[in-house]
Amino acid sequence: MAIKPAYVKKTAKILMERYPDAFGDDFEHNKDVVTELTNIESKGVRNRIAGYVTSKQGATVEA
């Protein structure tokens, strides 16, 4: 697995801190939430952020 760029981690961290209840462990839902909460126009960047959030949410659920 590749290491995520810093801007993906930083944006995801900010979103998860500001809206902790908005995200879950479903990628499709998180993708929609990222679209609503940000003005990111790039589909690839949006998906990377949503994927990173999903992986982090899954890690907190398992722990």
PDB file of N, CA and C in Angstrom:
ATOM      1  N   MET A   1       0.835  -1.171   0.000  1.00  0.00           N
ATOM      2  CA  MET A   1       0.000   0.000   0.000  1.00  0.00           C
ATOM      3  C   MET A   1       0.886   1.242   0.000  1.00  0.00           C
ATOM      4  N   ALA A   2       0.483   2.227  -0.746  1.00  0.00           N
ATOM      5  CA  ALA A   2       1.255   3.458  -0.862  1.00  0.00           C
ATOM      6  C   ALA A   2       0.997   4.369   0.337  1.00  0.00           C
ATOM      7  N   ILE A   3       1.965   5.214   0.614  1.00  0.00           N
ATOM      8  CA  ILE A   3       1.822   6.204   1.672  1.00  0.00           C
ATOM      9  C   ILE A   3       1.003   7.366   1.134  1.00  0.00           C
ATOM     10  N   LYS A   4       0.016   7.813   1.904  1.00  0.00           N
ATOM     11  CA  LYS A   4      -0.847   8.912   1.474  1.00  0.00           C
ATOM     12  C   LYS A   4      -0.082  10.233   1.553  1.00  0.00           C
ATOM     13  N   PRO A   5      -0.343  11.147   0.607  1.00  0.00           N
ATOM     14  CA  PRO A   5       0.297  12.465   0.646  1.00  0.00           C
ATOM     15  C   PRO A   5      -0.129  13.245   1.892  1.00  0.00           C
ATOM     16  N   ALA A   6       0.702  14.196   2.289  1.00  0.00           N
ATOM     17  CA  ALA A   6       0.442  14.978   3.496  1.00  0.00           C
ATOM     18  C   ALA A   6      -0.858  15.761   3.392  1.00  0.00           C
ATOM     19  N   TYR A   7      -1.183  16.283   2.213  1.00  0.00           N
ATOM     20  CA  TYR A   7      -2.410  17.070   2.092  1.00  0.00           C
ATOM     21  C   TYR A   7      -3.654  16.211   2.290  1.00  0.00           C
ATOM     22  N   VAL A   8      -3.575  14.935   1.944  1.00  0.00           N
ATOM     23  CA  VAL A   8      -4.706  14.031   2.172  1.00  0.00           C
ATOM     24  C   VAL A   8      -4.862  13.786   3.669  1.00  0.00           C
ATOM     25  N   LYS A   9      -3.765  13.491   4.349  1.00  0.00           N
ATOM     26  CA  LYS A   9      -3.813  13.232   5.784  1.00  0.00           C
ATOM     27  C   LYS A   9      -4.272  14.464   6.553  1.00  0.00           C
ATOM     28  N   LYS A  10      -3.733  15.624   6.173  1.00  0.00           N
ATOM     29  CA  LYS A  10      -4.060  16.862   6.878  1.00  0.00           C
ATOM     30  C   LYS A  10      -5.535  17.216   6.712  1.00  0.00           C
ATOM     31  N   THR A  11      -6.034  17.141   5.487  1.00  0.00           N
ATOM     32  CA  THR A  11      -7.436  17.462   5.227  1.00  0.00           C
ATOM     33  C   THR A  11      -8.355  16.483   5.948  1.00  0.00           C
ATOM     34  N   ALA A  12      -8.027  15.206   5.889  1.00  0.00           N
ATOM     35  CA  ALA A  12      -8.849  14.193   6.558  1.00  0.00           C
ATOM     36  C   ALA A  12      -8.850  14.403   8.068  1.00  0.00           C
ATOM     37  N   LYS A  13      -7.706  14.728   8.627  1.00  0.00           N
ATOM     38  CA  LYS A  13      -7.611  14.951  10.070  1.00  0.00           C
ATOM     39  C   LYS A  13      -8.469  16.139  10.489  1.00  0.00           C
ATOM     40  N   ILE A  14      -8.401  17.225   9.724  1.00  0.00           N
ATOM     41  CA  ILE A  14      -9.202  18.415  10.030  1.00  0.00           C
ATOM     42  C   ILE A  14     -10.692  18.090   9.955  1.00  0.00           C
ATOM     43  N   LEU A  15     -11.092  17.380   8.902  1.00  0.00           N
ATOM     44  CA  LEU A  15     -12.506  17.026   8.748  1.00  0.00           C
ATOM     45  C   LEU A  15     -12.984  16.124   9.881  1.00  0.00           C
ATOM     46  N   MET A  16     -12.167  15.147  10.270  1.00  0.00           N
ATOM     47  CA  MET A  16     -12.571  14.228  11.336  1.00  0.00           C
ATOM     48  C   MET A  16     -12.636  14.934  12.689  1.00  0.00           C
ATOM     49  N   GLU A  17     -11.780  15.956  12.897  1.00  0.00           N
ATOM     50  CA  GLU A  17     -11.823  16.706  14.152  1.00  0.00           C
ATOM     51  C   GLU A  17     -13.045  17.618  14.210  1.00  0.00           C
ATOM     52  N   ARG A  18     -13.362  18.264  13.087  1.00  0.00           N
ATOM     53  CA  ARG A  18     -14.485  19.205  13.057  1.00  0.00           C
ATOM     54  C   ARG A  18     -15.839  18.502  13.004  1.00  0.00           C
ATOM     55  N   TYR A  19     -15.903  17.375  12.338  1.00  0.00           N
ATOM     56  CA  TYR A  19     -17.169  16.656  12.146  1.00  0.00           C
ATOM     57  C   TYR A  19     -16.996  15.183  12.524  1.00  0.00           C
ATOM     58  N   PRO A  20     -16.797  14.894  13.799  1.00  0.00           N
ATOM     59  CA  PRO A  20     -16.502  13.505  14.189  1.00  0.00           C
ATOM     60  C   PRO A  20     -17.653  12.525  13.949  1.00  0.00           C
ATOM     61  N   ASP A  21     -18.889  13.001  14.008  1.00  0.00           N
ATOM     62  CA  ASP A  21     -20.032  12.104  13.846  1.00  0.00           C
ATOM     63  C   ASP A  21     -20.492  11.971  12.402  1.00  0.00           C
ATOM     64  N   ALA A  22     -19.881  12.732  11.498  1.00  0.00           N
ATOM     65  CA  ALA A  22     -20.327  12.728  10.100  1.00  0.00           C
ATOM     66  C   ALA A  22     -19.820  11.513   9.328  1.00  0.00           C
ATOM     67  N   PHE A  23     -18.728  10.909   9.790  1.00  0.00           N
ATOM     68  CA  PHE A  23     -18.087   9.842   9.034  1.00  0.00           C
ATOM     69  C   PHE A  23     -18.353   8.483   9.660  1.00  0.00           C
ATOM     70  N   GLY A  24     -18.276   7.458   8.824  1.00  0.00           N
ATOM     71  CA  GLY A  24     -18.447   6.087   9.291  1.00  0.00           C
ATOM     72  C   GLY A  24     -17.426   5.185   8.629  1.00  0.00           C
ATOM     73  N   ASP A  25     -17.725   3.892   8.588  1.00  0.00           N
ATOM     74  CA  ASP A  25     -16.790   2.954   7.980  1.00  0.00           C
ATOM     75  C   ASP A  25     -17.213   2.556   6.572  1.00  0.00           C
ATOM     76  N   ASP A  26     -18.131   3.325   5.965  1.00  0.00           N
ATOM     77  CA  ASP A  26     -18.591   3.077   4.604  1.00  0.00           C
ATOM     78  C   ASP A  26     -17.975   4.109   3.664  1.00  0.00           C
ATOM     79  N   PHE A  27     -17.209   3.644   2.689  1.00  0.00           N
ATOM     80  CA  PHE A  27     -16.514   4.543   1.765  1.00  0.00           C
ATOM     81  C   PHE A  27     -17.480   5.421   0.982  1.00  0.00           C
ATOM     82  N   GLU A  28     -18.556   4.849   0.463  1.00  0.00           N
ATOM     83  CA  GLU A  28     -19.507   5.614  -0.354  1.00  0.00           C
ATOM     84  C   GLU A  28     -20.132   6.754   0.452  1.00  0.00           C
ATOM     85  N   HIS A  29     -20.485   6.471   1.684  1.00  0.00           N
ATOM     86  CA  HIS A  29     -21.047   7.513   2.550  1.00  0.00           C
ATOM     87  C   HIS A  29     -20.009   8.603   2.820  1.00  0.00           C
ATOM     88  N   ASN A  30     -18.790   8.198   3.146  1.00  0.00           N
ATOM     89  CA  ASN A  30     -17.724   9.160   3.430  1.00  0.00           C
ATOM     90  C   ASN A  30     -17.401  10.005   2.211  1.00  0.00           C
ATOM     91  N   LYS A  31     -17.486   9.416   1.033  1.00  0.00           N
ATOM     92  CA  LYS A  31     -17.243  10.161  -0.205  1.00  0.00           C
ATOM     93  C   LYS A  31     -18.270  11.282  -0.357  1.00  0.00           C
ATOM     94  N   ASP A  32     -19.522  10.973  -0.081  1.00  0.00           N
ATOM     95  CA  ASP A  32     -20.577  11.986  -0.157  1.00  0.00           C
ATOM     96  C   ASP A  32     -20.375  13.080   0.888  1.00  0.00           C
ATOM     97  N   VAL A  33     -19.961  12.691   2.086  1.00  0.00           N
ATOM     98  CA  VAL A  33     -19.737  13.665   3.155  1.00  0.00           C
ATOM     99  C   VAL A  33     -18.581  14.596   2.797  1.00  0.00           C
ATOM    100  N   VAL A  34     -17.496  14.049   2.268  1.00  0.00           N
ATOM    101  CA  VAL A  34     -16.355  14.880   1.860  1.00  0.00           C
ATOM    102  C   VAL A  34     -16.787  15.857   0.777  1.00  0.00           C
ATOM    103  N   THR A  35     -17.621  15.419  -0.144  1.00  0.00           N
ATOM    104  CA  THR A  35     -18.121  16.297  -1.202  1.00  0.00           C
ATOM    105  C   THR A  35     -18.936  17.443  -0.611  1.00  0.00           C
ATOM    106  N   GLU A  36     -19.770  17.149   0.381  1.00  0.00           N
ATOM    107  CA  GLU A  36     -20.610  18.175   0.998  1.00  0.00           C
ATOM    108  C   GLU A  36     -19.802  19.164   1.830  1.00  0.00           C
ATOM    109  N   LEU A  37     -18.788  18.675   2.547  1.00  0.00           N
ATOM    110  CA  LEU A  37     -18.070  19.513   3.502  1.00  0.00           C
ATOM    111  C   LEU A  37     -16.920  20.303   2.894  1.00  0.00           C
ATOM    112  N   THR A  38     -16.494  19.951   1.701  1.00  0.00           N
ATOM    113  CA  THR A  38     -15.353  20.631   1.092  1.00  0.00           C
ATOM    114  C   THR A  38     -15.724  21.161  -0.282  1.00  0.00           C
ATOM    115  N   ASN A  39     -14.813  21.929  -0.841  1.00  0.00           N
ATOM    116  CA  ASN A  39     -14.998  22.428  -2.206  1.00  0.00           C
ATOM    117  C   ASN A  39     -14.005  21.766  -3.161  1.00  0.00           C
ATOM    118  N   ILE A  40     -13.608  20.548  -2.853  1.00  0.00           N
ATOM    119  CA  ILE A  40     -12.661  19.812  -3.684  1.00  0.00           C
ATOM    120  C   ILE A  40     -13.357  19.393  -4.974  1.00  0.00           C
ATOM    121  N   GLU A  41     -12.806  19.794  -6.094  1.00  0.00           N
ATOM    122  CA  GLU A  41     -13.408  19.483  -7.385  1.00  0.00           C
ATOM    123  C   GLU A  41     -12.839  18.215  -8.009  1.00  0.00           C
ATOM    124  N   SER A  42     -11.641  17.839  -7.600  1.00  0.00           N
ATOM    125  CA  SER A  42     -10.987  16.665  -8.168  1.00  0.00           C
ATOM    126  C   SER A  42     -11.570  15.382  -7.572  1.00  0.00           C
ATOM    127  N   LYS A  43     -12.057  14.522  -8.452  1.00  0.00           N
ATOM    128  CA  LYS A  43     -12.634  13.256  -8.007  1.00  0.00           C
ATOM    129  C   LYS A  43     -11.575  12.384  -7.336  1.00  0.00           C
ATOM    130  N   GLY A  44     -10.369  12.374  -7.881  1.00  0.00           N
ATOM    131  CA  GLY A  44      -9.303  11.550  -7.321  1.00  0.00           C
ATOM    132  C   GLY A  44      -8.908  11.976  -5.921  1.00  0.00           C
ATOM    133  N   VAL A  45      -8.767  13.277  -5.711  1.00  0.00           N
ATOM    134  CA  VAL A  45      -8.400  13.782  -4.385  1.00  0.00           C
ATOM    135  C   VAL A  45      -9.526  13.506  -3.391  1.00  0.00           C
ATOM    136  N   ARG A  46     -10.768  13.735  -3.816  1.00  0.00           N
ATOM    137  CA  ARG A  46     -11.914  13.462  -2.951  1.00  0.00           C
ATOM    138  C   ARG A  46     -11.933  11.993  -2.535  1.00  0.00           C
ATOM    139  N   ASN A  47     -11.696  11.104  -3.474  1.00  0.00           N
ATOM    140  CA  ASN A  47     -11.710   9.674  -3.169  1.00  0.00           C
ATOM    141  C   ASN A  47     -10.556   9.278  -2.259  1.00  0.00           C
ATOM    142  N   ARG A  48      -9.399   9.894  -2.436  1.00  0.00           N
ATOM    143  CA  ARG A  48      -8.260   9.595  -1.557  1.00  0.00           C
ATOM    144  C   ARG A  48      -8.562  10.010  -0.125  1.00  0.00           C
ATOM    145  N   ILE A  49      -9.147  11.203   0.036  1.00  0.00           N
ATOM    146  CA  ILE A  49      -9.488  11.680   1.376  1.00  0.00           C
ATOM    147  C   ILE A  49     -10.556  10.783   1.992  1.00  0.00           C
ATOM    148  N   ALA A  50     -11.582  10.449   1.228  1.00  0.00           N
ATOM    149  CA  ALA A  50     -12.647   9.578   1.738  1.00  0.00           C
ATOM    150  C   ALA A  50     -12.095   8.203   2.105  1.00  0.00           C
ATOM    151  N   GLY A  51     -11.196   7.677   1.305  1.00  0.00           N
ATOM    152  CA  GLY A  51     -10.588   6.383   1.603  1.00  0.00           C
ATOM    153  C   GLY A  51      -9.739   6.416   2.853  1.00  0.00           C
ATOM    154  N   TYR A  52      -9.001   7.498   3.033  1.00  0.00           N
ATOM    155  CA  TYR A  52      -8.168   7.639   4.226  1.00  0.00           C
ATOM    156  C   TYR A  52      -9.041   7.745   5.473  1.00  0.00           C
ATOM    157  N   VAL A  53     -10.106   8.537   5.381  1.00  0.00           N
ATOM    158  CA  VAL A  53     -11.040   8.664   6.504  1.00  0.00           C
ATOM    159  C   VAL A  53     -11.664   7.309   6.821  1.00  0.00           C
ATOM    160  N   THR A  54     -12.051   6.574   5.796  1.00  0.00           N
ATOM    161  CA  THR A  54     -12.664   5.262   5.992  1.00  0.00           C
ATOM    162  C   THR A  54     -11.701   4.311   6.693  1.00  0.00           C
ATOM    163  N   SER A  55     -10.437   4.331   6.285  1.00  0.00           N
ATOM    164  CA  SER A  55      -9.463   3.440   6.918  1.00  0.00           C
ATOM    165  C   SER A  55      -9.226   3.832   8.369  1.00  0.00           C
ATOM    166  N   LYS A  56      -9.219   5.121   8.652  1.00  0.00           N
ATOM    167  CA  LYS A  56      -9.021   5.578  10.027  1.00  0.00           C
ATOM    168  C   LYS A  56     -10.247   5.284  10.890  1.00  0.00           C
ATOM    169  N   GLN A  57     -11.423   5.451  10.352  1.00  0.00           N
ATOM    170  CA  GLN A  57     -12.644   5.136  11.089  1.00  0.00           C
ATOM    171  C   GLN A  57     -12.710   3.642  11.380  1.00  0.00           C
ATOM    172  N   GLY A  58     -12.305   2.828  10.434  1.00  0.00           N
ATOM    173  CA  GLY A  58     -12.292   1.386  10.646  1.00  0.00           C
ATOM    174  C   GLY A  58     -11.304   0.990  11.720  1.00  0.00           C
ATOM    175  N   ALA A  59     -10.179   1.694  11.786  1.00  0.00           N
ATOM    176  CA  ALA A  59      -9.160   1.398  12.786  1.00  0.00           C
ATOM    177  C   ALA A  59      -9.665   1.737  14.185  1.00  0.00           C
ATOM    178  N   THR A  60     -10.420   2.829  14.320  1.00  0.00           N
ATOM    179  CA  THR A  60     -10.921   3.204  15.638  1.00  0.00           C
ATOM    180  C   THR A  60     -12.049   2.284  16.086  1.00  0.00           C
ATOM    181  N   VAL A  61     -12.812   1.748  15.160  1.00  0.00           N
ATOM    182  CA  VAL A  61     -13.900   0.835  15.508  1.00  0.00           C
ATOM    183  C   VAL A  61     -13.341  -0.487  16.011  1.00  0.00           C
ATOM    184  N   GLU A  62     -12.284  -0.985  15.372  1.00  0.00           N
ATOM    185  CA  GLU A  62     -11.700  -2.271  15.745  1.00  0.00           C
ATOM    186  C   GLU A  62     -10.962  -2.204  17.072  1.00  0.00           C
ATOM    187  N   ALA A  63     -10.359  -1.071  17.378  1.00  0.00           N
ATOM    188  CA  ALA A  63      -9.527  -0.951  18.580  1.00  0.00           C
ATOM    189  C   ALA A  63     -10.330  -0.903  19.855  1.00  0.00           C
TER     190      ALA A  63
END
